[in-house]
């Protein structure tokens, strides 16, 4: 009854199996049947094989839903400071514990190259005015920018300053080829304020920018979340002009997007909505 078949066809299948194995599986008597030693041995393996088949189906279904495997996430140094990124990583690890999350830090240029090569699934970066063929961007947050000044600067005690007050200052900046998005946002903000920033010392990453400002190589503009870097000898000051903001986005390849990536993007959309409603 469990197999949904009649006794004669079932008996025929058992006889066929015994001929293939060349051993009897049952003792047949007038009172019924019982397993032979060969039958008992086959029963153990048969149960294991059935369990393995069921597990294989389950594994395939979980993988198809993006619940297992690896997710390779890249992030720029500046993005790592934003609270929504930390919250999103925590949420993903909690919701999908079967997925191993690997983090890679790099510049925007490096991360885009790794995405295009298929060595990253997603990357958190600041989109700015930059675009790359074959890469889709999903905005997840925006934040104001701040001016970072040496502690001894004449404007260091101000609560808010206009960008025009920096028109003749040397700027410590990350090279555009390393972080085109953030670089373009800084230049765009200065140009909207009516001046071209004076390019001074270059720095490989934002932590280096802050340290060089501390050493009085110049001033800079950084995302507000970078003010978590409490380097000695610097102060962070709000910008008084029309809102100067930088956006944060998730980048993924346009094609070959996995279920794991879709799951991460869905969590990111939830986080973005929560922030927009004041819950983040």
C-alpha atoms as a PDB file:
ATOM      1  CA  UNK A   1       0.000   0.000   0.000  1.00  0.00           C
ATOM      2  CA  UNK A   2       2.829   2.435   0.816  1.00  0.00           C
ATOM      3  CA  UNK A   3       4.469   1.817  -2.559  1.00  0.00           C
ATOM      4  CA  UNK A   4       1.176   2.128  -4.432  1.00  0.00           C
ATOM      5  CA  UNK A   5       1.703  -1.136  -6.284  1.00  0.00           C
ATOM      6  CA  UNK A   6       0.308  -4.685  -6.269  1.00  0.00           C
ATOM      7  CA  UNK A   7       1.981  -7.724  -4.740  1.00  0.00           C
ATOM      8  CA  UNK A   8       2.790  -9.557  -8.027  1.00  0.00           C
ATOM      9  CA  UNK A   9       4.693  -6.597  -9.580  1.00  0.00           C
ATOM     10  CA  UNK A  10       6.534  -6.013  -6.289  1.00  0.00           C
ATOM     11  CA  UNK A  11       7.507  -9.686  -6.015  1.00  0.00           C
ATOM     12  CA  UNK A  12       8.732  -9.582  -9.616  1.00  0.00           C
ATOM     13  CA  UNK A  13      10.911  -6.525  -8.887  1.00  0.00           C
ATOM     14  CA  UNK A  14      12.432  -8.254  -5.865  1.00  0.00           C
ATOM     15  CA  UNK A  15      13.196 -11.364  -7.907  1.00  0.00           C
ATOM     16  CA  UNK A  16      14.799  -9.199 -10.597  1.00  0.00           C
ATOM     17  CA  UNK A  17      16.946  -7.488  -7.942  1.00  0.00           C
ATOM     18  CA  UNK A  18      18.019 -10.842  -6.482  1.00  0.00           C
ATOM     19  CA  UNK A  19      19.067 -12.035  -9.961  1.00  0.00           C
ATOM     20  CA  UNK A  20      21.094  -8.833 -10.479  1.00  0.00           C
ATOM     21  CA  UNK A  21      22.796  -9.240  -7.091  1.00  0.00           C
ATOM     22  CA  UNK A  22      23.117 -13.009  -7.494  1.00  0.00           C
ATOM     23  CA  UNK A  23      22.112 -13.525  -3.839  1.00  0.00           C
ATOM     24  CA  UNK A  24      18.740 -14.246  -2.200  1.00  0.00           C
ATOM     25  CA  UNK A  25      17.412 -11.360  -0.108  1.00  0.00           C
ATOM     26  CA  UNK A  26      14.516 -13.199   1.563  1.00  0.00           C
ATOM     27  CA  UNK A  27      13.846 -16.535   3.183  1.00  0.00           C
ATOM     28  CA  UNK A  28      10.478 -17.594   1.775  1.00  0.00           C
ATOM     29  CA  UNK A  29       8.419 -19.979   3.920  1.00  0.00           C
ATOM     30  CA  UNK A  30       4.797 -20.935   4.182  1.00  0.00           C
ATOM     31  CA  UNK A  31       4.433 -18.481   7.043  1.00  0.00           C
ATOM     32  CA  UNK A  32       5.836 -15.466   5.162  1.00  0.00           C
ATOM     33  CA  UNK A  33       9.259 -14.032   4.439  1.00  0.00           C
ATOM     34  CA  UNK A  34      12.274 -12.881   6.425  1.00  0.00           C
ATOM     35  CA  UNK A  35      15.507 -11.189   5.413  1.00  0.00           C
ATOM     36  CA  UNK A  36      18.613 -13.190   4.672  1.00  0.00           C
ATOM     37  CA  UNK A  37      22.012 -11.922   5.850  1.00  0.00           C
ATOM     38  CA  UNK A  38      22.447 -10.376   2.402  1.00  0.00           C
ATOM     39  CA  UNK A  39      19.019  -8.766   2.717  1.00  0.00           C
ATOM     40  CA  UNK A  40      19.852  -7.316   6.135  1.00  0.00           C
ATOM     41  CA  UNK A  41      23.106  -5.849   4.785  1.00  0.00           C
ATOM     42  CA  UNK A  42      21.356  -4.349   1.768  1.00  0.00           C
ATOM     43  CA  UNK A  43      18.620  -2.863   3.981  1.00  0.00           C
ATOM     44  CA  UNK A  44      21.154  -0.826   5.969  1.00  0.00           C
ATOM     45  CA  UNK A  45      22.720   0.638   2.833  1.00  0.00           C
ATOM     46  CA  UNK A  46      19.356   1.125   1.129  1.00  0.00           C
ATOM     47  CA  UNK A  47      18.095   3.264   4.029  1.00  0.00           C
ATOM     48  CA  UNK A  48      21.280   5.315   3.943  1.00  0.00           C
ATOM     49  CA  UNK A  49      20.991   5.799   0.189  1.00  0.00           C
ATOM     50  CA  UNK A  50      17.395   6.958   0.507  1.00  0.00           C
ATOM     51  CA  UNK A  51      18.331   9.373   3.263  1.00  0.00           C
ATOM     52  CA  UNK A  52      21.223  10.643   1.135  1.00  0.00           C
ATOM     53  CA  UNK A  53      18.869  11.170  -1.802  1.00  0.00           C
ATOM     54  CA  UNK A  54      16.451  13.129   0.377  1.00  0.00           C
ATOM     55  CA  UNK A  55      19.350  15.180   1.756  1.00  0.00           C
ATOM     56  CA  UNK A  56      20.589  15.860  -1.778  1.00  0.00           C
ATOM     57  CA  UNK A  57      17.175  17.228  -2.706  1.00  0.00           C
ATOM     58  CA  UNK A  58      17.110  19.393   0.416  1.00  0.00           C
ATOM     59  CA  UNK A  59      20.656  20.657  -0.236  1.00  0.00           C
ATOM     60  CA  UNK A  60      19.781  21.571  -3.821  1.00  0.00           C
ATOM     61  CA  UNK A  61      16.623  23.376  -2.724  1.00  0.00           C
ATOM     62  CA  UNK A  62      18.458  25.335  -0.003  1.00  0.00           C
ATOM     63  CA  UNK A  63      21.212  26.295  -2.437  1.00  0.00           C
ATOM     64  CA  UNK A  64      18.592  27.400  -4.940  1.00  0.00           C
ATOM     65  CA  UNK A  65      17.058  29.643  -2.273  1.00  0.00           C
ATOM     66  CA  UNK A  66      20.476  31.108  -1.444  1.00  0.00           C
ATOM     67  CA  UNK A  67      20.612  29.560   2.039  1.00  0.00           C
ATOM     68  CA  UNK A  68      23.990  27.814   1.674  1.00  0.00           C
ATOM     69  CA  UNK A  69      27.358  28.409   0.046  1.00  0.00           C
ATOM     70  CA  UNK A  70      29.624  31.463   0.074  1.00  0.00           C
ATOM     71  CA  UNK A  71      28.942  35.144  -0.477  1.00  0.00           C
ATOM     72  CA  UNK A  72      31.961  37.318  -1.283  1.00  0.00           C
ATOM     73  CA  UNK A  73      31.326  40.927  -0.252  1.00  0.00           C
ATOM     74  CA  UNK A  74      33.684  43.795  -0.996  1.00  0.00           C
ATOM     75  CA  UNK A  75      33.644  47.181   0.709  1.00  0.00           C
ATOM     76  CA  UNK A  76      35.593  50.382   0.549  1.00  0.00           C
ATOM     77  CA  UNK A  77      37.282  51.688   3.684  1.00  0.00           C
ATOM     78  CA  UNK A  78      34.856  54.614   3.912  1.00  0.00           C
ATOM     79  CA  UNK A  79      31.789  52.380   3.485  1.00  0.00           C
ATOM     80  CA  UNK A  80      32.902  50.159   6.358  1.00  0.00           C
ATOM     81  CA  UNK A  81      32.338  53.034   8.805  1.00  0.00           C
ATOM     82  CA  UNK A  82      28.654  53.478   7.965  1.00  0.00           C
ATOM     83  CA  UNK A  83      26.307  51.911  10.556  1.00  0.00           C
ATOM     84  CA  UNK A  84      23.931  50.541   7.909  1.00  0.00           C
ATOM     85  CA  UNK A  85      26.756  48.370   6.542  1.00  0.00           C
ATOM     86  CA  UNK A  86      27.481  46.833   9.928  1.00  0.00           C
ATOM     87  CA  UNK A  87      23.757  46.305  10.546  1.00  0.00           C
ATOM     88  CA  UNK A  88      23.309  44.709   7.131  1.00  0.00           C
ATOM     89  CA  UNK A  89      26.183  42.271   7.649  1.00  0.00           C
ATOM     90  CA  UNK A  90      24.780  41.280  11.054  1.00  0.00           C
ATOM     91  CA  UNK A  91      21.300  40.796   9.582  1.00  0.00           C
ATOM     92  CA  UNK A  92      22.568  38.616   6.732  1.00  0.00           C
ATOM     93  CA  UNK A  93      24.637  36.383   8.995  1.00  0.00           C
ATOM     94  CA  UNK A  94      21.688  35.987  11.359  1.00  0.00           C
ATOM     95  CA  UNK A  95      19.112  35.313   8.619  1.00  0.00           C
ATOM     96  CA  UNK A  96      21.321  33.023   6.512  1.00  0.00           C
ATOM     97  CA  UNK A  97      23.666  31.225   8.927  1.00  0.00           C
ATOM     98  CA  UNK A  98      24.366  28.548   6.308  1.00  0.00           C
ATOM     99  CA  UNK A  99      26.094  31.059   4.025  1.00  0.00           C
ATOM    100  CA  UNK A 100      29.758  31.802   4.726  1.00  0.00           C
ATOM    101  CA  UNK A 101      30.326  35.538   4.314  1.00  0.00           C
ATOM    102  CA  UNK A 102      33.792  36.606   3.169  1.00  0.00           C
ATOM    103  CA  UNK A 103      34.736  40.304   3.333  1.00  0.00           C
ATOM    104  CA  UNK A 104      37.303  42.001   1.117  1.00  0.00           C
ATOM    105  CA  UNK A 105      38.351  45.631   1.581  1.00  0.00           C
ATOM    106  CA  UNK A 106      39.700  47.648  -1.314  1.00  0.00           C
ATOM    107  CA  UNK A 107      39.451  50.835  -3.297  1.00  0.00           C
ATOM    108  CA  UNK A 108      36.490  51.425  -5.587  1.00  0.00           C
ATOM    109  CA  UNK A 109      38.620  50.637  -8.633  1.00  0.00           C
ATOM    110  CA  UNK A 110      39.865  47.386  -7.116  1.00  0.00           C
ATOM    111  CA  UNK A 111      36.388  46.277  -6.077  1.00  0.00           C
ATOM    112  CA  UNK A 112      34.873  46.997  -9.488  1.00  0.00           C
ATOM    113  CA  UNK A 113      37.612  44.919 -11.113  1.00  0.00           C
ATOM    114  CA  UNK A 114      36.967  42.030  -8.716  1.00  0.00           C
ATOM    115  CA  UNK A 115      33.237  42.241  -9.437  1.00  0.00           C
ATOM    116  CA  UNK A 116      33.797  42.144 -13.177  1.00  0.00           C
ATOM    117  CA  UNK A 117      36.140  39.153 -12.781  1.00  0.00           C
ATOM    118  CA  UNK A 118      33.520  37.284 -10.760  1.00  0.00           C
ATOM    119  CA  UNK A 119      35.706  37.185  -7.644  1.00  0.00           C
ATOM    120  CA  UNK A 120      33.172  39.271  -5.708  1.00  0.00           C
ATOM    121  CA  UNK A 121      29.403  38.850  -5.606  1.00  0.00           C
ATOM    122  CA  UNK A 122      28.640  42.311  -4.206  1.00  0.00           C
ATOM    123  CA  UNK A 123      30.496  45.441  -3.191  1.00  0.00           C
ATOM    124  CA  UNK A 124      29.543  48.369  -0.964  1.00  0.00           C
ATOM    125  CA  UNK A 125      30.801  51.636  -2.431  1.00  0.00           C
ATOM    126  CA  UNK A 126      29.963  55.283  -2.997  1.00  0.00           C
ATOM    127  CA  UNK A 127      28.499  55.654  -6.505  1.00  0.00           C
ATOM    128  CA  UNK A 128      28.993  59.384  -7.117  1.00  0.00           C
ATOM    129  CA  UNK A 129      28.885  60.207 -10.829  1.00  0.00           C
ATOM    130  CA  UNK A 130      30.842  57.095 -11.769  1.00  0.00           C
ATOM    131  CA  UNK A 131      29.319  54.198 -13.715  1.00  0.00           C
ATOM    132  CA  UNK A 132      30.693  50.941 -15.042  1.00  0.00           C
ATOM    133  CA  UNK A 133      29.341  48.797 -17.852  1.00  0.00           C
ATOM    134  CA  UNK A 134      27.783  45.573 -16.654  1.00  0.00           C
ATOM    135  CA  UNK A 135      27.536  46.754 -13.034  1.00  0.00           C
ATOM    136  CA  UNK A 136      24.195  47.529 -11.375  1.00  0.00           C
ATOM    137  CA  UNK A 137      24.044  49.932  -8.423  1.00  0.00           C
ATOM    138  CA  UNK A 138      21.451  49.891  -5.635  1.00  0.00           C
ATOM    139  CA  UNK A 139      21.462  52.894  -3.324  1.00  0.00           C
ATOM    140  CA  UNK A 140      21.129  51.917   0.334  1.00  0.00           C
ATOM    141  CA  UNK A 141      21.926  55.107   2.258  1.00  0.00           C
ATOM    142  CA  UNK A 142      23.107  58.689   2.081  1.00  0.00           C
ATOM    143  CA  UNK A 143      24.955  60.752   4.644  1.00  0.00           C
ATOM    144  CA  UNK A 144      26.250  64.288   5.001  1.00  0.00           C
ATOM    145  CA  UNK A 145      29.865  65.208   4.393  1.00  0.00           C
ATOM    146  CA  UNK A 146      32.090  66.939   6.939  1.00  0.00           C
ATOM    147  CA  UNK A 147      35.223  69.033   6.701  1.00  0.00           C
ATOM    148  CA  UNK A 148      38.224  67.591   8.521  1.00  0.00           C
ATOM    149  CA  UNK A 149      40.727  70.207   9.716  1.00  0.00           C
ATOM    150  CA  UNK A 150      43.990  70.239  11.658  1.00  0.00           C
ATOM    151  CA  UNK A 151      43.236  71.032  15.301  1.00  0.00           C
ATOM    152  CA  UNK A 152      45.302  74.216  15.051  1.00  0.00           C
ATOM    153  CA  UNK A 153      43.441  75.556  12.015  1.00  0.00           C
ATOM    154  CA  UNK A 154      41.773  78.999  12.485  1.00  0.00           C
ATOM    155  CA  UNK A 155      38.362  77.451  11.651  1.00  0.00           C
ATOM    156  CA  UNK A 156      38.783  74.397  13.889  1.00  0.00           C
ATOM    157  CA  UNK A 157      36.608  75.851  16.667  1.00  0.00           C
ATOM    158  CA  UNK A 158      33.704  76.628  14.353  1.00  0.00           C
ATOM    159  CA  UNK A 159      30.594  74.461  14.527  1.00  0.00           C
ATOM    160  CA  UNK A 160      29.737  74.986  10.859  1.00  0.00           C
ATOM    161  CA  UNK A 161      31.699  76.508   8.004  1.00  0.00           C
ATOM    162  CA  UNK A 162      30.877  77.281   4.358  1.00  0.00           C
ATOM    163  CA  UNK A 163      32.893  75.425   1.751  1.00  0.00           C
ATOM    164  CA  UNK A 164      33.959  78.755   0.292  1.00  0.00           C
ATOM    165  CA  UNK A 165      36.145  79.267   3.365  1.00  0.00           C
ATOM    166  CA  UNK A 166      38.347  76.436   2.024  1.00  0.00           C
ATOM    167  CA  UNK A 167      38.797  77.924  -1.442  1.00  0.00           C
ATOM    168  CA  UNK A 168      42.499  78.629  -0.907  1.00  0.00           C
ATOM    169  CA  UNK A 169      43.320  75.587   1.223  1.00  0.00           C
ATOM    170  CA  UNK A 170      45.322  72.604   0.011  1.00  0.00           C
ATOM    171  CA  UNK A 171      43.161  69.455  -0.040  1.00  0.00           C
ATOM    172  CA  UNK A 172      44.371  66.025   1.024  1.00  0.00           C
ATOM    173  CA  UNK A 173      42.588  63.655  -1.359  1.00  0.00           C
ATOM    174  CA  UNK A 174      42.484  60.028  -2.413  1.00  0.00           C
ATOM    175  CA  UNK A 175      43.635  59.780  -6.072  1.00  0.00           C
ATOM    176  CA  UNK A 176      40.709  59.666  -8.490  1.00  0.00           C
ATOM    177  CA  UNK A 177      41.970  56.433 -10.056  1.00  0.00           C
ATOM    178  CA  UNK A 178      41.618  54.750  -6.660  1.00  0.00           C
ATOM    179  CA  UNK A 179      38.252  56.186  -5.596  1.00  0.00           C
ATOM    180  CA  UNK A 180      36.608  57.986  -8.527  1.00  0.00           C
ATOM    181  CA  UNK A 181      33.202  58.133  -6.866  1.00  0.00           C
ATOM    182  CA  UNK A 182      34.202  59.882  -3.653  1.00  0.00           C
ATOM    183  CA  UNK A 183      36.778  62.022  -5.479  1.00  0.00           C
ATOM    184  CA  UNK A 184      34.115  63.298  -7.923  1.00  0.00           C
ATOM    185  CA  UNK A 185      31.663  64.040  -5.109  1.00  0.00           C
ATOM    186  CA  UNK A 186      34.233  66.226  -3.325  1.00  0.00           C
ATOM    187  CA  UNK A 187      35.119  68.123  -6.508  1.00  0.00           C
ATOM    188  CA  UNK A 188      31.442  68.523  -7.374  1.00  0.00           C
ATOM    189  CA  UNK A 189      30.649  69.979  -3.927  1.00  0.00           C
ATOM    190  CA  UNK A 190      33.508  72.479  -4.202  1.00  0.00           C
ATOM    191  CA  UNK A 191      32.545  73.512  -7.731  1.00  0.00           C
ATOM    192  CA  UNK A 192      28.966  74.055  -6.666  1.00  0.00           C
ATOM    193  CA  UNK A 193      30.356  76.338  -3.948  1.00  0.00           C
ATOM    194  CA  UNK A 194      32.138  78.318  -6.672  1.00  0.00           C
ATOM    195  CA  UNK A 195      35.757  77.167  -6.537  1.00  0.00           C
ATOM    196  CA  UNK A 196      38.121  74.461  -7.729  1.00  0.00           C
ATOM    197  CA  UNK A 197      39.803  72.629  -4.839  1.00  0.00           C
ATOM    198  CA  UNK A 198      43.569  73.033  -4.612  1.00  0.00           C
ATOM    199  CA  UNK A 199      44.995  69.508  -4.901  1.00  0.00           C
ATOM    200  CA  UNK A 200      47.660  68.870  -2.281  1.00  0.00           C
ATOM    201  CA  UNK A 201      49.055  65.663  -0.814  1.00  0.00           C
ATOM    202  CA  UNK A 202      47.455  62.421  -1.968  1.00  0.00           C
ATOM    203  CA  UNK A 203      46.502  59.584   0.386  1.00  0.00           C
ATOM    204  CA  UNK A 204      45.743  55.925  -0.429  1.00  0.00           C
ATOM    205  CA  UNK A 205      42.672  55.660   1.834  1.00  0.00           C
ATOM    206  CA  UNK A 206      40.491  57.699   4.175  1.00  0.00           C
ATOM    207  CA  UNK A 207      42.336  56.778   7.360  1.00  0.00           C
ATOM    208  CA  UNK A 208      45.483  58.113   5.690  1.00  0.00           C
ATOM    209  CA  UNK A 209      43.628  61.279   4.694  1.00  0.00           C
ATOM    210  CA  UNK A 210      42.750  61.924   8.334  1.00  0.00           C
ATOM    211  CA  UNK A 211      46.303  61.256   9.493  1.00  0.00           C
ATOM    212  CA  UNK A 212      47.777  63.601   6.871  1.00  0.00           C
ATOM    213  CA  UNK A 213      45.324  66.325   7.883  1.00  0.00           C
ATOM    214  CA  UNK A 214      46.487  65.773  11.468  1.00  0.00           C
ATOM    215  CA  UNK A 215      50.053  66.331  10.219  1.00  0.00           C
ATOM    216  CA  UNK A 216      48.859  69.657   8.717  1.00  0.00           C
ATOM    217  CA  UNK A 217      49.326  68.681   5.067  1.00  0.00           C
ATOM    218  CA  UNK A 218      45.976  70.329   4.360  1.00  0.00           C
ATOM    219  CA  UNK A 219      42.224  69.919   4.835  1.00  0.00           C
ATOM    220  CA  UNK A 220      39.722  67.501   3.357  1.00  0.00           C
ATOM    221  CA  UNK A 221      36.064  66.574   3.012  1.00  0.00           C
ATOM    222  CA  UNK A 222      34.963  63.154   4.244  1.00  0.00           C
ATOM    223  CA  UNK A 223      31.706  61.249   4.806  1.00  0.00           C
ATOM    224  CA  UNK A 224      30.283  61.994   8.268  1.00  0.00           C
ATOM    225  CA  UNK A 225      30.693  58.365   9.394  1.00  0.00           C
ATOM    226  CA  UNK A 226      34.465  58.717   8.970  1.00  0.00           C
ATOM    227  CA  UNK A 227      34.430  61.058  11.974  1.00  0.00           C
ATOM    228  CA  UNK A 228      34.575  57.814  14.000  1.00  0.00           C
ATOM    229  CA  UNK A 229      38.321  57.953  13.278  1.00  0.00           C
ATOM    230  CA  UNK A 230      39.416  59.908  16.349  1.00  0.00           C
ATOM    231  CA  UNK A 231      42.940  60.774  15.314  1.00  0.00           C
ATOM    232  CA  UNK A 232      44.818  63.149  17.550  1.00  0.00           C
ATOM    233  CA  UNK A 233      45.150  66.639  16.086  1.00  0.00           C
ATOM    234  CA  UNK A 234      42.058  66.768  13.867  1.00  0.00           C
ATOM    235  CA  UNK A 235      38.534  68.128  14.200  1.00  0.00           C
ATOM    236  CA  UNK A 236      35.444  67.445  12.127  1.00  0.00           C
ATOM    237  CA  UNK A 237      33.244  70.409  11.259  1.00  0.00           C
ATOM    238  CA  UNK A 238      29.790  70.481   9.674  1.00  0.00           C
ATOM    239  CA  UNK A 239      29.335  72.102   6.263  1.00  0.00           C
ATOM    240  CA  UNK A 240      27.046  75.140   6.299  1.00  0.00           C
ATOM    241  CA  UNK A 241      26.211  75.185   2.592  1.00  0.00           C
ATOM    242  CA  UNK A 242      23.273  73.530   0.925  1.00  0.00           C
ATOM    243  CA  UNK A 243      23.263  69.904   1.948  1.00  0.00           C
ATOM    244  CA  UNK A 244      26.448  68.206   0.796  1.00  0.00           C
ATOM    245  CA  UNK A 245      25.852  64.461   0.869  1.00  0.00           C
ATOM    246  CA  UNK A 246      27.462  61.270  -0.334  1.00  0.00           C
ATOM    247  CA  UNK A 247      25.545  58.159  -1.279  1.00  0.00           C
ATOM    248  CA  UNK A 248      26.251  54.562  -0.389  1.00  0.00           C
ATOM    249  CA  UNK A 249      25.331  51.785  -2.795  1.00  0.00           C
ATOM    250  CA  UNK A 250      25.601  48.072  -3.347  1.00  0.00           C
ATOM    251  CA  UNK A 251      27.141  47.074  -6.663  1.00  0.00           C
ATOM    252  CA  UNK A 252      26.555  43.749  -8.373  1.00  0.00           C
ATOM    253  CA  UNK A 253      26.957  42.292 -11.829  1.00  0.00           C
ATOM    254  CA  UNK A 254      23.993  42.736 -14.151  1.00  0.00           C
ATOM    255  CA  UNK A 255      24.086  39.074 -15.169  1.00  0.00           C
ATOM    256  CA  UNK A 256      24.606  35.764 -13.361  1.00  0.00           C
ATOM    257  CA  UNK A 257      23.156  37.107 -10.137  1.00  0.00           C
ATOM    258  CA  UNK A 258      22.722  34.375  -7.553  1.00  0.00           C
ATOM    259  CA  UNK A 259      19.926  33.836  -5.037  1.00  0.00           C
ATOM    260  CA  UNK A 260      22.408  34.755  -2.280  1.00  0.00           C
ATOM    261  CA  UNK A 261      22.912  38.162  -3.891  1.00  0.00           C
ATOM    262  CA  UNK A 262      19.149  38.652  -4.213  1.00  0.00           C
ATOM    263  CA  UNK A 263      18.735  37.792  -0.521  1.00  0.00           C
ATOM    264  CA  UNK A 264      21.403  40.316   0.467  1.00  0.00           C
ATOM    265  CA  UNK A 265      19.811  43.001  -1.707  1.00  0.00           C
ATOM    266  CA  UNK A 266      16.396  42.290  -0.180  1.00  0.00           C
ATOM    267  CA  UNK A 267      17.815  42.778   3.320  1.00  0.00           C
ATOM    268  CA  UNK A 268      19.483  45.975   2.135  1.00  0.00           C
ATOM    269  CA  UNK A 269      16.154  47.286   0.850  1.00  0.00           C
ATOM    270  CA  UNK A 270      14.552  46.521   4.220  1.00  0.00           C
ATOM    271  CA  UNK A 271      17.378  48.334   5.999  1.00  0.00           C
ATOM    272  CA  UNK A 272      17.103  51.335   3.671  1.00  0.00           C
ATOM    273  CA  UNK A 273      13.349  51.527   4.256  1.00  0.00           C
ATOM    274  CA  UNK A 274      13.853  51.288   8.017  1.00  0.00           C
ATOM    275  CA  UNK A 275      16.367  54.148   7.941  1.00  0.00           C
ATOM    276  CA  UNK A 276      14.001  56.188   5.801  1.00  0.00           C
ATOM    277  CA  UNK A 277      11.239  55.730   8.389  1.00  0.00           C
ATOM    278  CA  UNK A 278      13.552  56.734  11.228  1.00  0.00           C
ATOM    279  CA  UNK A 279      13.970  53.269  12.719  1.00  0.00           C
ATOM    280  CA  UNK A 280      17.625  52.809  11.723  1.00  0.00           C
END
